[in-house]
Amino acid sequence: MTDRSLTVYQDNHLRVAFEHHAAAFYGPMVQASRAHVVMLAEQGLVPGDRAATLLRGLENLATDDPATLTYDGSVEDVYFTMEHRLAEACEIAPAELDVQMARSRNDLDQGIFRMILRDQLIAVHSAALAACTAVLDAAERDADVVIVGYTHRRPAQPTTIGHVLAGYAEALVGQAQAYTALLDQINVSPLGACAFAGTDLDIDSTRVAELLGFDGVVLNSYEAVAGADHLVRVGTLNAQALATGARLARTLMDWLSWQWVTTPQEFTQGSSIMPQKRNPVVLEHLVSMAGATAADAASVLNNVGAAWWEDSNNATTDVQARLWDSNDRAERFFRLVGGFIAQIEPLAPPGAEQIVATGATTTAAADALTAFGVPFRAAHSIVGRLVRAADPAEWDVAMVLDTAAAIGQPGVSEQAAAELIAAATDPHRVARRQQPDGPGAEQVRHQVNQLRASLGRTEEHVSGLRARLATAAGSLDAAVRKWITA
């Protein structure tokens, strides 16, 4: 609804931006301001009594509910709203404020946005860890459940549910590691860069970074406010991770349709007309969520690429809401994937005869001949002729030997022929395969153990970050109390 008390620009942009940003920005802005004032006081840039007044006011602002803030057109944005609220809380005129001394809206915006992204990505990382744990548990449990793997949507080779899920778990571990590295990239402070060229005042940017839990300071003040690589990386990593999960979701749709696994009732919706149906629409939603996340990433890339390399709203402010949506969606996506896979169980996976009938065992049959010295292409031709002549269940040694002789391979032994038939008719041999990265049950469980160890390392890394943030918050509280009670 149009607010006629506002100008067209205020009503159609500033108000909308305020409503998008106030709830997310206000708390971190107050926290960053607390650290900034402590630093100014410690550096002797503001008198102790003035710092105490500002910090008491900021303590009052920390109890505000950002959801109640509304845009009335009296100021431009959330930043000036906070300043006016601070002046009221301190019972001083806005002109007497020092909170923006040696600080620009530019470096403050970048600083609090990194703080917001940091918290969001820690939550995304946690959800990814939980999803990966659920997938690893299922992979270990179902390491010996043989199914048919598909390529080009056609039956290809036998594999196991555990092998497929361990493959997705490896992707999830890689994504968790990427989120960990991204957190490291984000967790450096731009505060102190001011507009982009710093200040002549004797500030201590490292102290502000320390009080806010940052692991360091951006090396160059221009990059501190102009840099957007970390923003692009957030959007593209989310898009990559969800695209991978969406591919698995489509495969799971097939498994449910074929009744290879159960359909978790918690993740279904009923039909409006067919009372017998329970539709696992969550899998369709996962695919749609991946598409929306790719669109958000494209929006970020387009805005960043259209901006000058300096403070520019389309490379900073205008991408923030897209990344908040992206992170929220990524967290929910991982929770849905993990919750779904935690509840599926084998239902009626294909039996040996069904698998053999698809032709999925013929590669193993050809491989069995090569183990006896038959050239691969010759073995391939023998098996191809056998498949065209009869179902593998009907093959016998004489038939194999006659076929081999017909293509110029009369030296095939009866033992080799028998091994070919065994490989063609027993798809469950795949669960005994010893190749380290293959579908053998023992090997899949070994893969699971290795992936659990890798997952543990990334969890430990982010737990260290959580601990540092908690320590920094405690240090900031203590520093604020010191100046207030001095």
Protein backbone atom coordinates (compact mmCIF):
# COMPACT_ATOMS: atom_id res chain seq x y z
CA MET A 1 0.00 0.00 0.00
CA THR A 2 1.32 3.44 -0.90
CA ASP A 3 2.18 5.71 2.04
CA ARG A 4 1.22 9.19 0.87
CA SER A 5 3.29 10.81 3.61
CA LEU A 6 6.45 9.55 1.90
CA THR A 7 8.03 10.68 -1.34
CA VAL A 8 7.95 8.30 -4.29
CA TYR A 9 11.60 7.35 -3.72
CA GLN A 10 11.08 6.85 0.00
CA ASP A 11 7.98 4.74 -0.44
CA ASN A 12 9.21 2.58 -3.31
CA HIS A 13 12.83 2.07 -2.28
CA LEU A 14 13.97 3.37 1.10
CA ARG A 15 10.96 1.97 2.95
CA VAL A 16 11.27 -1.42 1.22
CA ALA A 17 15.02 -1.60 1.88
CA PHE A 18 14.43 -0.64 5.51
CA GLU A 19 11.83 -3.37 5.95
CA HIS A 20 14.17 -5.93 4.34
CA HIS A 21 17.18 -4.97 6.42
CA ALA A 22 16.07 -3.66 9.81
CA ALA A 23 15.46 -6.98 11.54
CA ALA A 24 18.76 -8.44 10.31
CA PHE A 25 20.98 -5.35 10.66
CA TYR A 26 19.94 -3.73 13.90
CA GLY A 27 21.34 -6.24 16.40
CA PRO A 28 24.75 -6.66 14.74
CA MET A 29 24.94 -2.89 14.26
CA VAL A 30 24.50 -2.36 17.99
CA GLN A 31 27.09 -5.03 18.74
CA ALA A 32 29.60 -3.54 16.30
CA SER A 33 28.99 -0.10 17.81
CA ARG A 34 29.70 -1.40 21.31
CA ALA A 35 33.09 -2.71 20.14
CA HIS A 36 33.80 0.53 18.26
CA VAL A 37 33.10 2.75 21.25
CA VAL A 38 35.22 0.55 23.53
CA MET A 39 38.09 0.90 21.07
CA LEU A 40 37.64 4.69 20.80
CA ALA A 41 37.76 4.97 24.60
CA GLU A 42 40.80 2.68 24.91
CA GLN A 43 42.62 4.74 22.27
CA GLY A 44 41.77 7.98 24.08
CA LEU A 45 39.76 9.26 21.12
CA VAL A 46 36.69 9.92 23.28
CA PRO A 47 36.66 10.79 27.00
CA GLY A 48 35.76 7.99 29.35
CA ASP A 49 32.56 9.64 30.61
CA ARG A 50 31.31 10.18 27.04
CA ALA A 51 32.14 6.57 26.16
CA ALA A 52 30.23 5.40 29.24
CA THR A 53 27.18 7.42 28.17
CA LEU A 54 27.29 5.93 24.66
CA LEU A 55 27.77 2.40 25.97
CA ARG A 56 24.85 2.74 28.42
CA GLY A 57 22.70 3.86 25.52
CA LEU A 58 23.86 0.95 23.39
CA GLU A 59 23.00 -1.43 26.22
CA ASN A 60 19.45 -0.07 26.09
CA LEU A 61 19.34 -0.50 22.32
CA ALA A 62 20.42 -4.13 22.71
CA THR A 63 17.02 -4.81 24.26
CA ASP A 64 15.10 -3.34 21.31
CA ASP A 65 12.96 -5.60 19.16
CA PRO A 66 14.04 -4.81 15.58
CA ALA A 67 10.76 -6.22 14.29
CA THR A 68 8.97 -3.21 15.79
CA LEU A 69 11.05 -0.66 13.89
CA THR A 70 9.15 1.11 11.15
CA TYR A 71 10.21 3.47 8.42
CA ASP A 72 8.65 6.94 8.71
CA GLY A 73 10.80 8.89 6.28
CA SER A 74 12.52 10.98 8.96
CA VAL A 75 15.87 9.33 8.24
CA GLU A 76 17.37 7.42 5.32
CA ASP A 77 17.93 3.97 6.68
CA VAL A 78 18.58 1.61 9.57
CA TYR A 79 21.97 3.19 10.29
CA PHE A 80 20.53 6.62 11.00
CA THR A 81 17.58 5.05 12.80
CA MET A 82 20.02 3.46 15.21
CA GLU A 83 21.84 6.76 15.72
CA HIS A 84 18.61 8.59 16.55
CA ARG A 85 17.55 5.78 18.88
CA LEU A 86 20.98 5.98 20.54
CA ALA A 87 20.71 9.72 21.05
CA GLU A 88 17.31 9.21 22.69
CA ALA A 89 18.64 6.41 24.91
CA CYS A 90 21.63 8.58 25.94
CA GLU A 91 19.36 11.62 26.43
CA ILE A 92 21.62 13.73 24.23
CA ALA A 93 21.15 15.49 20.91
CA PRO A 94 22.14 13.55 17.75
CA ALA A 95 24.80 16.22 17.14
CA GLU A 96 26.61 15.09 20.33
CA LEU A 97 27.07 11.50 19.16
CA ASP A 98 30.57 10.07 18.61
CA VAL A 99 29.52 6.58 17.53
CA GLN A 100 30.42 7.23 13.88
CA MET A 101 33.83 8.74 14.64
CA ALA A 102 36.42 7.03 12.42
CA ARG A 103 33.71 4.90 10.87
CA SER A 104 31.69 5.07 7.66
CA ARG A 105 28.41 3.53 6.73
CA ASN A 106 30.55 1.68 4.14
CA ASP A 107 32.79 -0.29 6.48
CA LEU A 108 29.99 -0.71 9.03
CA ASP A 109 27.73 -2.19 6.34
CA GLN A 110 30.41 -4.62 5.22
CA GLY A 111 31.29 -5.49 8.81
CA ILE A 112 27.81 -6.30 10.03
CA PHE A 113 27.00 -8.12 6.81
CA ARG A 114 29.99 -10.38 7.43
CA MET A 115 28.71 -10.94 10.96
CA ILE A 116 25.26 -11.87 9.66
CA LEU A 117 26.67 -14.16 6.97
CA ARG A 118 28.96 -15.75 9.55
CA ASP A 119 26.03 -16.71 11.78
CA GLN A 120 23.94 -17.90 8.84
CA LEU A 121 26.72 -20.01 7.35
CA ILE A 122 27.47 -21.60 10.71
CA ALA A 123 23.81 -22.68 10.72
CA VAL A 124 24.03 -23.91 7.11
CA HIS A 125 27.20 -25.83 7.95
CA SER A 126 25.51 -27.41 10.96
CA ALA A 127 22.56 -28.52 8.81
CA ALA A 128 24.95 -29.92 6.19
CA LEU A 129 26.78 -31.89 8.90
CA ALA A 130 23.52 -33.33 10.19
CA ALA A 131 22.42 -34.27 6.66
CA CYS A 132 25.75 -35.91 5.95
CA THR A 133 25.58 -37.89 9.19
CA ALA A 134 22.11 -39.17 8.25
CA VAL A 135 23.32 -40.14 4.77
CA LEU A 136 26.39 -41.91 6.16
CA ASP A 137 24.25 -43.83 8.64
CA ALA A 138 21.97 -44.99 5.82
CA ALA A 139 24.91 -45.86 3.57
CA GLU A 140 26.48 -48.00 6.28
CA ARG A 141 23.19 -49.72 7.09
CA ASP A 142 22.32 -50.49 3.45
CA ALA A 143 25.80 -51.27 2.17
CA ASP A 144 24.74 -54.74 1.04
CA VAL A 145 21.35 -53.89 -0.49
CA VAL A 146 21.85 -54.48 -4.21
CA ILE A 147 19.97 -52.37 -6.75
CA VAL A 148 20.45 -51.36 -10.38
CA GLY A 149 22.44 -48.25 -11.20
CA TYR A 150 21.30 -46.26 -14.20
CA THR A 151 23.06 -44.19 -16.86
CA HIS A 152 21.12 -42.16 -19.42
CA ARG A 153 18.02 -43.38 -17.56
CA ARG A 154 18.67 -46.95 -18.68
CA PRO A 155 19.73 -49.93 -16.52
CA ALA A 156 23.53 -50.02 -16.46
CA GLN A 157 25.21 -52.05 -13.69
CA PRO A 158 24.41 -53.48 -10.27
CA THR A 159 25.40 -51.36 -7.30
CA THR A 160 24.10 -50.95 -3.76
CA ILE A 161 22.02 -48.37 -1.96
CA GLY A 162 24.96 -47.86 0.36
CA HIS A 163 27.31 -47.20 -2.54
CA VAL A 164 25.02 -44.53 -4.01
CA LEU A 165 24.47 -42.82 -0.67
CA ALA A 166 28.15 -42.92 0.25
CA GLY A 167 28.81 -41.13 -3.03
CA TYR A 168 26.41 -38.36 -2.08
CA ALA A 169 27.93 -38.27 1.40
CA GLU A 170 31.34 -37.66 -0.14
CA ALA A 171 29.86 -34.69 -2.01
CA LEU A 172 28.32 -33.44 1.24
CA VAL A 173 31.65 -33.71 3.04
CA GLY A 174 33.26 -31.67 0.29
CA GLN A 175 30.51 -29.08 0.63
CA ALA A 176 30.96 -28.94 4.41
CA GLN A 177 34.68 -28.37 3.87
CA ALA A 178 33.89 -25.60 1.38
CA TYR A 179 31.57 -23.90 3.87
CA THR A 180 34.35 -24.11 6.46
CA ALA A 181 36.81 -22.42 4.10
CA LEU A 182 34.19 -19.81 3.23
CA LEU A 183 33.68 -19.02 6.91
CA ASP A 184 37.42 -18.47 7.21
CA GLN A 185 37.31 -16.09 4.25
CA ILE A 186 34.35 -14.15 5.66
CA ASN A 187 35.60 -13.95 9.23
CA VAL A 188 37.97 -11.01 8.73
CA SER A 189 36.96 -7.51 9.68
CA PRO A 190 36.62 -4.54 7.29
CA LEU A 191 35.89 -2.19 10.20
CA GLY A 192 38.34 0.70 10.29
CA ALA A 193 38.47 1.11 6.54
CA CYS A 194 35.89 3.90 6.87
CA ALA A 195 34.69 5.06 3.43
CA PHE A 196 37.63 3.25 1.78
CA ALA A 197 40.79 5.21 2.68
CA GLY A 198 40.88 4.81 6.45
CA THR A 199 41.40 7.75 8.82
CA ASP A 200 44.14 9.92 10.29
CA LEU A 201 42.83 9.12 13.77
CA ASP A 202 44.81 6.62 15.83
CA ILE A 203 42.27 3.79 15.77
CA ASP A 204 42.93 0.13 16.52
CA SER A 205 41.10 -1.97 13.92
CA THR A 206 42.57 -5.16 15.32
CA ARG A 207 40.97 -4.50 18.70
CA VAL A 208 37.53 -4.05 17.14
CA ALA A 209 38.00 -7.26 15.16
CA GLU A 210 39.02 -9.12 18.32
CA LEU A 211 35.98 -7.92 20.28
CA LEU A 212 33.64 -9.03 17.48
CA GLY A 213 35.16 -12.47 17.04
CA PHE A 214 36.87 -11.82 13.71
CA ASP A 215 40.09 -13.72 13.11
CA GLY A 216 41.84 -10.71 11.59
CA VAL A 217 41.44 -7.55 9.53
CA VAL A 218 41.07 -7.22 5.75
CA LEU A 219 44.56 -6.31 4.55
CA ASN A 220 43.61 -3.45 2.22
CA SER A 221 41.04 -0.79 3.15
CA TYR A 222 39.78 -0.44 -0.43
CA GLU A 223 39.16 -4.18 -0.68
CA ALA A 224 37.50 -4.02 2.74
CA VAL A 225 34.59 -1.97 1.41
CA ALA A 226 34.76 -2.81 -2.32
CA GLY A 227 35.38 -6.54 -2.15
CA ALA A 228 32.56 -8.84 -3.12
CA ASP A 229 34.26 -12.16 -3.86
CA HIS A 230 33.03 -13.58 -0.57
CA LEU A 231 29.47 -12.58 -1.46
CA VAL A 232 29.68 -14.29 -4.83
CA ARG A 233 31.16 -17.36 -3.18
CA VAL A 234 28.26 -17.64 -0.72
CA GLY A 235 25.70 -17.59 -3.51
CA THR A 236 27.54 -19.95 -5.81
CA LEU A 237 28.43 -22.46 -3.09
CA ASN A 238 24.79 -22.68 -2.03
CA ALA A 239 23.74 -23.11 -5.65
CA GLN A 240 26.33 -25.84 -6.21
CA ALA A 241 25.42 -27.74 -3.05
CA LEU A 242 21.68 -27.65 -3.71
CA ALA A 243 22.08 -28.61 -7.37
CA THR A 244 23.93 -31.74 -6.27
CA GLY A 245 21.25 -32.58 -3.73
CA ALA A 246 18.50 -31.98 -6.30
CA ARG A 247 20.06 -34.61 -8.57
CA LEU A 248 19.90 -37.13 -5.74
CA ALA A 249 16.28 -36.10 -5.08
CA ARG A 250 15.36 -37.05 -8.63
CA THR A 251 17.03 -40.44 -8.22
CA LEU A 252 15.14 -40.95 -4.96
CA MET A 253 11.88 -40.25 -6.82
CA ASP A 254 12.64 -43.28 -8.98
CA TRP A 255 13.51 -45.46 -6.00
CA LEU A 256 10.19 -44.60 -4.36
CA SER A 257 8.24 -45.18 -7.59
CA TRP A 258 9.87 -48.59 -8.04
CA GLN A 259 9.28 -49.34 -4.32
CA TRP A 260 12.92 -50.09 -3.74
CA VAL A 261 12.70 -48.02 -0.54
CA THR A 262 9.91 -46.92 1.76
CA THR A 263 8.18 -43.56 1.43
CA PRO A 264 8.52 -41.61 4.71
CA GLN A 265 4.97 -40.53 5.52
CA GLU A 266 6.18 -37.38 7.30
CA PHE A 267 7.41 -36.07 3.96
CA THR A 268 4.27 -36.73 1.91
CA GLN A 269 1.10 -34.87 1.03
CA GLY A 270 -2.26 -36.34 0.08
CA SER A 271 -4.13 -36.07 -3.19
CA SER A 272 -7.10 -33.74 -3.55
CA ILE A 273 -9.05 -36.39 -5.46
CA MET A 274 -7.35 -39.79 -5.08
CA PRO A 275 -7.66 -41.01 -1.47
CA GLN A 276 -5.06 -43.77 -1.86
CA LYS A 277 -2.21 -41.47 -2.84
CA ARG A 278 0.56 -40.12 -0.65
CA ASN A 279 2.83 -37.95 -2.75
CA PRO A 280 6.48 -37.39 -1.77
CA VAL A 281 6.34 -33.83 -3.08
CA VAL A 282 9.22 -32.80 -0.83
CA LEU A 283 11.54 -34.24 -3.48
CA GLU A 284 10.00 -31.96 -6.08
CA HIS A 285 10.35 -29.03 -3.70
CA LEU A 286 14.04 -29.82 -3.27
CA VAL A 287 14.53 -29.54 -7.03
CA SER A 288 12.64 -26.23 -7.05
CA MET A 289 14.68 -24.94 -4.11
CA ALA A 290 17.86 -25.68 -6.02
CA GLY A 291 16.53 -23.68 -8.95
CA ALA A 292 15.66 -20.70 -6.76
CA THR A 293 19.11 -20.80 -5.19
CA ALA A 294 20.74 -20.81 -8.61
CA ALA A 295 18.64 -17.75 -9.48
CA ASP A 296 19.83 -15.98 -6.33
CA ALA A 297 23.43 -16.78 -7.24
CA ALA A 298 22.86 -15.40 -10.73
CA SER A 299 21.39 -12.23 -9.24
CA VAL A 300 24.46 -11.76 -7.04
CA LEU A 301 26.83 -12.37 -9.93
CA ASN A 302 24.93 -9.97 -12.18
CA ASN A 303 24.83 -7.20 -9.58
CA VAL A 304 28.47 -7.56 -8.60
CA GLY A 305 29.56 -7.70 -12.21
CA ALA A 306 27.59 -4.56 -13.03
CA ALA A 307 29.20 -2.50 -10.25
CA TRP A 308 32.31 -0.37 -10.16
CA TRP A 309 35.05 -1.73 -7.93
CA GLU A 310 34.28 0.56 -5.04
CA ASP A 311 31.47 1.13 -2.60
CA SER A 312 28.43 0.52 -4.75
CA ASN A 313 24.98 -0.47 -3.58
CA ASN A 314 24.34 -2.99 -6.33
CA ALA A 315 27.47 -4.90 -5.23
CA THR A 316 26.65 -4.72 -1.51
CA THR A 317 23.22 -3.65 -0.24
CA ASP A 318 21.27 -5.00 -3.19
CA VAL A 319 22.76 -8.50 -2.91
CA GLN A 320 22.28 -8.90 0.82
CA ALA A 321 18.65 -9.95 0.82
CA ARG A 322 19.38 -12.45 -1.97
CA LEU A 323 22.08 -14.08 0.14
CA TRP A 324 19.90 -14.14 3.25
CA ASP A 325 17.24 -15.97 1.26
CA SER A 326 19.88 -18.26 -0.22
CA ASN A 327 21.31 -19.19 3.18
CA ASP A 328 17.89 -19.74 4.70
CA ARG A 329 16.94 -21.99 1.79
CA ALA A 330 20.21 -23.92 1.96
CA GLU A 331 19.76 -24.60 5.66
CA ARG A 332 16.21 -25.85 5.13
CA PHE A 333 17.29 -27.92 2.11
CA PHE A 334 19.92 -29.79 4.13
CA ARG A 335 17.45 -30.39 6.95
CA LEU A 336 14.91 -31.80 4.52
CA VAL A 337 17.43 -34.04 2.76
CA GLY A 338 18.84 -35.35 6.03
CA GLY A 339 15.42 -35.88 7.56
CA PHE A 340 14.13 -37.70 4.49
CA ILE A 341 17.09 -40.05 4.09
CA ALA A 342 17.13 -40.81 7.81
CA GLN A 343 13.65 -42.34 7.44
CA ILE A 344 13.90 -44.33 4.20
CA GLU A 345 14.45 -48.08 4.47
CA PRO A 346 14.73 -50.86 1.87
CA LEU A 347 11.26 -52.02 0.87
CA ALA A 348 11.34 -54.28 -2.20
CA PRO A 349 14.70 -53.83 -3.92
CA PRO A 350 15.02 -55.76 -7.19
CA GLY A 351 15.75 -59.47 -6.88
CA ALA A 352 18.56 -61.26 -8.68
CA GLU A 353 16.33 -62.37 -11.57
CA GLN A 354 15.00 -58.84 -12.07
CA ILE A 355 18.49 -57.39 -12.14
CA VAL A 356 19.78 -60.02 -14.55
CA ALA A 357 16.79 -59.43 -16.84
CA THR A 358 17.75 -55.76 -17.21
CA GLY A 359 21.13 -56.72 -18.70
CA ALA A 360 22.93 -54.91 -15.90
CA THR A 361 25.27 -57.85 -15.19
CA THR A 362 26.72 -58.17 -18.69
CA THR A 363 29.69 -55.88 -18.07
CA ALA A 364 30.74 -58.09 -15.17
CA ALA A 365 30.31 -61.12 -17.45
CA ALA A 366 32.66 -59.62 -20.03
CA ASP A 367 35.14 -58.70 -17.31
CA ALA A 368 35.10 -62.32 -16.11
CA LEU A 369 36.38 -63.44 -19.51
CA THR A 370 39.14 -60.84 -19.57
CA ALA A 371 40.44 -62.26 -16.29
CA PHE A 372 41.22 -65.43 -18.29
CA GLY A 373 43.18 -63.54 -20.93
CA VAL A 374 40.43 -62.92 -23.48
CA PRO A 375 40.87 -59.47 -25.07
CA PHE A 376 38.26 -57.01 -23.84
CA ARG A 377 36.66 -56.34 -27.23
CA ALA A 378 36.46 -60.05 -27.94
CA ALA A 379 34.88 -60.65 -24.52
CA HIS A 380 32.49 -57.79 -25.20
CA SER A 381 31.48 -59.37 -28.54
CA ILE A 382 30.96 -62.81 -26.98
CA VAL A 383 28.68 -61.46 -24.28
CA GLY A 384 26.82 -59.28 -26.76
CA ARG A 385 26.04 -62.30 -28.93
CA LEU A 386 24.98 -64.32 -25.90
CA VAL A 387 22.60 -61.57 -24.76
CA ARG A 388 21.00 -61.38 -28.17
CA ALA A 389 20.62 -65.16 -28.28
CA ALA A 390 19.03 -65.83 -24.88
CA ASP A 391 18.45 -64.65 -21.35
CA PRO A 392 21.57 -65.13 -19.14
CA ALA A 393 19.62 -67.66 -17.06
CA GLU A 394 19.56 -69.91 -20.14
CA TRP A 395 23.26 -69.80 -20.93
CA ASP A 396 25.42 -72.89 -20.42
CA VAL A 397 29.11 -73.63 -20.87
CA ALA A 398 28.66 -75.18 -24.31
CA MET A 399 26.78 -72.15 -25.56
CA VAL A 400 29.53 -69.82 -24.34
CA LEU A 401 32.27 -71.93 -25.96
CA ASP A 402 30.41 -72.13 -29.28
CA THR A 403 29.89 -68.36 -29.28
CA ALA A 404 33.56 -67.75 -28.50
CA ALA A 405 34.65 -70.04 -31.32
CA ALA A 406 32.28 -68.28 -33.73
CA ILE A 407 34.11 -64.97 -33.27
CA GLY A 408 37.57 -66.49 -33.49
CA GLN A 409 38.29 -67.15 -29.81
CA PRO A 410 38.40 -70.99 -29.63
CA GLY A 411 40.82 -70.93 -26.67
CA VAL A 412 38.23 -69.94 -24.09
CA SER A 413 38.27 -72.56 -21.33
CA GLU A 414 35.32 -74.23 -19.66
CA GLN A 415 36.39 -72.58 -16.41
CA ALA A 416 36.28 -69.16 -18.05
CA ALA A 417 32.85 -69.91 -19.51
CA ALA A 418 31.55 -71.02 -16.12
CA GLU A 419 32.90 -67.84 -14.51
CA LEU A 420 31.21 -65.74 -17.19
CA ILE A 421 27.87 -67.41 -16.43
CA ALA A 422 28.33 -66.96 -12.69
CA ALA A 423 29.03 -63.24 -13.14
CA ALA A 424 26.05 -62.83 -15.46
CA THR A 425 23.57 -64.55 -13.16
CA ASP A 426 24.67 -63.40 -9.70
CA PRO A 427 24.36 -59.60 -9.36
CA HIS A 428 25.00 -59.83 -5.64
CA ARG A 429 28.66 -60.48 -6.37
CA VAL A 430 28.95 -56.71 -6.59
CA ALA A 431 28.47 -56.51 -2.83
CA ARG A 432 31.61 -58.61 -2.41
CA ARG A 433 33.75 -56.51 -4.75
CA GLN A 434 37.07 -55.50 -3.22
CA GLN A 435 37.84 -52.34 -5.20
CA PRO A 436 38.40 -49.64 -2.52
CA ASP A 437 36.07 -47.08 -4.09
CA GLY A 438 33.56 -49.62 -5.35
CA PRO A 439 30.19 -50.93 -4.16
CA GLY A 440 31.46 -53.88 -2.09
CA ALA A 441 29.76 -53.76 1.29
CA GLU A 442 33.03 -53.93 3.22
CA GLN A 443 34.51 -51.20 1.03
CA VAL A 444 31.46 -48.94 1.32
CA ARG A 445 31.64 -49.19 5.11
CA HIS A 446 35.32 -48.31 4.93
CA GLN A 447 34.43 -45.29 2.78
CA VAL A 448 31.84 -44.30 5.37
CA ASN A 449 34.45 -44.44 8.15
CA GLN A 450 36.84 -42.26 6.17
CA LEU A 451 34.11 -39.74 5.42
CA ARG A 452 33.07 -39.63 9.08
CA ALA A 453 36.64 -38.73 9.99
CA SER A 454 36.73 -35.94 7.40
CA LEU A 455 33.38 -34.68 8.61
CA GLY A 456 34.65 -34.68 12.17
CA ARG A 457 37.58 -32.47 11.21
CA THR A 458 35.39 -29.82 9.60
CA GLU A 459 32.99 -29.99 12.56
CA GLU A 460 35.92 -29.45 14.92
CA HIS A 461 37.12 -26.47 12.86
CA VAL A 462 33.75 -24.71 13.00
CA SER A 463 33.32 -25.61 16.67
CA GLY A 464 36.57 -23.73 17.26
CA LEU A 465 35.06 -20.70 15.52
CA ARG A 466 31.94 -20.95 17.69
CA ALA A 467 34.12 -21.03 20.79
CA ARG A 468 36.10 -17.99 19.66
CA LEU A 469 32.88 -16.09 19.01
CA ALA A 470 31.61 -16.93 22.48
CA THR A 471 34.91 -15.82 24.03
CA ALA A 472 34.86 -12.58 22.06
CA ALA A 473 31.28 -11.85 23.16
CA GLY A 474 32.31 -12.34 26.76
CA SER A 475 35.33 -10.08 26.34
CA LEU A 476 33.20 -7.36 24.77
CA ASP A 477 30.67 -7.54 27.60
CA ALA A 478 33.48 -7.24 30.14
CA ALA A 479 35.04 -4.28 28.32
CA VAL A 480 31.69 -2.50 28.15
CA ARG A 481 31.08 -3.05 31.88
CA LYS A 482 34.52 -1.69 32.65
CA TRP A 483 33.82 1.63 30.97
CA ILE A 484 30.26 1.92 32.25
CA THR A 485 31.32 1.37 35.87
CA ALA A 486 34.57 3.34 35.73
